[in-house]
Amino acid sequence: MNLAAKPFDRLPPPQFAQECDTALAIVIPAYKAAFLGRTLASIAAQTDRHVVVYVGDDASPHDLAYICAGFAGAVASRYHRFDHNLGQRELVAHWERCVALSANASARAATRSGPASVR
């Protein structure tokens, strides 16, 4: 069964983080499609929907955007594709730029009067 390409239609509609007062940020520095699909499947299977997933695509040759889109109805997430593969040379630097994705979202949300939008 290919979990990476199939959305989880059997799950109830999620209460995404923008509907909540607080949310846990899950940051995923991604490169390999199989690992990303399994990780998102695990997150989608959780009952607590107070999470926002930030996926930092390290210029993967795989279509990680397609995998993320397959979980759009089950996981509140933001996907960002970086132009160059940093993780092969400086893994910590790649982690830091992925964490910055969540920090930037928090800063944007703090400057608005309403909840953060999550795509």
Protein backbone atom coordinates (compact mmCIF):
# COMPACT_ATOMS: atom_id res chain seq x y z
CA MET A 1 0.00 0.00 0.00
CA ASN A 2 1.45 3.36 -1.05
CA LEU A 3 0.68 5.68 1.86
CA ALA A 4 2.64 8.54 0.34
CA ALA A 5 0.23 9.10 -2.53
CA LYS A 6 -3.15 8.59 -0.83
CA PRO A 7 -4.98 11.06 1.38
CA PHE A 8 -6.58 9.74 4.52
CA ASP A 9 -10.24 10.06 3.53
CA ARG A 10 -11.30 7.78 6.38
CA LEU A 11 -10.29 10.32 9.02
CA PRO A 12 -12.81 12.80 10.42
CA PRO A 13 -12.36 16.40 9.27
CA PRO A 14 -9.43 17.74 11.27
CA GLN A 15 -9.65 20.64 13.64
CA PHE A 16 -6.69 22.48 12.24
CA ALA A 17 -4.41 24.62 14.33
CA GLN A 18 -5.89 27.90 13.09
CA GLU A 19 -9.03 26.94 15.00
CA CYS A 20 -7.06 26.41 18.20
CA ASP A 21 -5.39 28.74 20.65
CA THR A 22 -2.12 26.83 20.60
CA ALA A 23 -0.48 24.42 18.22
CA LEU A 24 2.56 22.21 18.20
CA ALA A 25 4.92 22.92 15.28
CA ILE A 26 6.30 19.77 13.70
CA VAL A 27 9.26 20.62 11.49
CA ILE A 28 10.27 18.05 8.87
CA PRO A 29 13.49 18.56 6.92
CA ALA A 30 12.64 16.37 3.92
CA TYR A 31 14.53 14.74 1.08
CA LYS A 32 13.35 11.13 0.62
CA ALA A 33 9.79 10.56 -0.55
CA ALA A 34 9.26 7.27 1.30
CA PHE A 35 10.24 8.76 4.65
CA LEU A 36 8.08 11.84 4.18
CA GLY A 37 5.03 9.80 3.22
CA ARG A 38 5.35 7.56 6.27
CA THR A 39 5.92 10.54 8.57
CA LEU A 40 2.84 12.39 7.30
CA ALA A 41 0.78 9.20 7.53
CA SER A 42 1.77 8.86 11.18
CA ILE A 43 0.89 12.48 11.93
CA ALA A 44 -2.44 12.15 10.09
CA ALA A 45 -3.33 9.13 12.23
CA GLN A 46 -3.02 11.12 15.47
CA THR A 47 -6.17 12.22 17.28
CA ASP A 48 -4.73 15.53 18.48
CA ARG A 49 -5.14 18.06 15.66
CA HIS A 50 -3.41 20.94 17.45
CA VAL A 51 -0.40 20.70 15.14
CA VAL A 52 1.00 22.48 12.13
CA VAL A 53 3.53 20.62 10.01
CA TYR A 54 6.31 22.55 8.26
CA VAL A 55 8.02 20.61 5.47
CA GLY A 56 11.35 21.92 4.19
CA ASP A 57 12.14 20.20 0.87
CA ASP A 58 15.94 20.05 0.54
CA ALA A 59 15.82 20.20 -3.29
CA SER A 60 14.77 16.57 -3.47
CA PRO A 61 14.60 14.85 -6.86
CA HIS A 62 11.26 13.38 -5.69
CA ASP A 63 7.92 15.19 -5.95
CA LEU A 64 7.52 15.98 -2.24
CA ALA A 65 4.91 18.66 -2.97
CA TYR A 66 2.64 15.96 -4.41
CA ILE A 67 3.07 13.85 -1.28
CA CYS A 68 2.21 16.80 0.97
CA ALA A 69 -0.83 17.63 -1.18
CA GLY A 70 -2.08 14.09 -0.66
CA PHE A 71 -2.41 14.81 3.07
CA ALA A 72 -3.96 18.28 2.73
CA GLY A 73 -7.31 17.18 4.16
CA ALA A 74 -5.77 15.39 7.12
CA VAL A 75 -2.76 17.48 8.17
CA ALA A 76 -2.44 21.25 8.55
CA SER A 77 0.83 21.98 6.83
CA ARG A 78 3.08 24.40 5.02
CA TYR A 79 5.43 23.16 2.33
CA HIS A 80 8.53 25.01 1.13
CA ARG A 81 10.97 23.85 -1.54
CA PHE A 82 14.50 25.17 -1.17
CA ASP A 83 16.44 25.86 -4.36
CA HIS A 84 19.59 23.97 -3.41
CA ASN A 85 20.43 20.88 -1.39
CA LEU A 86 22.08 22.12 1.78
CA GLY A 87 21.63 19.00 3.90
CA GLN A 88 24.23 16.97 1.99
CA ARG A 89 26.95 19.43 3.10
CA GLU A 90 25.59 21.16 6.20
CA LEU A 91 22.82 19.17 7.85
CA VAL A 92 22.50 21.50 10.84
CA ALA A 93 22.14 24.50 8.52
CA HIS A 94 19.31 22.74 6.68
CA TRP A 95 17.58 22.01 10.01
CA GLU A 96 17.92 25.65 11.00
CA ARG A 97 16.34 26.95 7.80
CA CYS A 98 13.47 24.49 8.24
CA VAL A 99 12.89 25.61 11.83
CA ALA A 100 12.88 29.19 10.53
CA LEU A 101 9.81 28.30 8.45
CA SER A 102 7.83 27.83 11.65
CA ALA A 103 9.36 30.87 13.32
CA ASN A 104 8.41 33.05 10.36
CA ALA A 105 4.83 31.79 10.50
CA SER A 106 4.64 32.56 14.23
CA ALA A 107 5.94 36.08 13.63
CA ARG A 108 3.38 36.67 10.86
CA ALA A 109 0.57 35.34 13.05
CA ALA A 110 1.59 37.60 15.93
CA THR A 111 1.25 40.69 13.74
CA ARG A 112 -2.31 39.88 12.62
CA SER A 113 -5.49 40.24 14.56
CA GLY A 114 -6.82 36.83 13.52
CA PRO A 115 -5.47 33.28 13.57
CA ALA A 116 -2.68 32.24 11.23
CA SER A 117 -3.75 30.76 7.91
CA VAL A 118 -2.51 27.24 7.36
CA ARG A 119 -2.34 25.62 3.95
